[in-house]
Amino acid sequence: MEEIDVSLPSKFKDACVAKDKDEALRLAKLIAKQANFTLKAELDILDFAASILSSEYRLPIATMIKELRKHEA
């Protein structure tokens, strides 16, 4: 069994705040792969999890997730 990197969601948050779309997409795909979820499901989870954060993080994450959803199609 592959070891799960629990720091990835925090790195995803940082990439969203930095507006680094490529890194955010790479991390979202990696998180989804580790959890054995689709990218769509992982973005849903990340979006829900961001709802408890302060607006300093919630808004950039929501904006980035909106952009990343275009990759699902």
Foldseek 3Di string as FASTA:
>chain_A
DDDDDPCLLVVLLVCLLVVPLVSNLVSLVVNCVVVVHDSVVSLVVSLVVLVPPDCSRNVSSVVSSVVSVVVVD
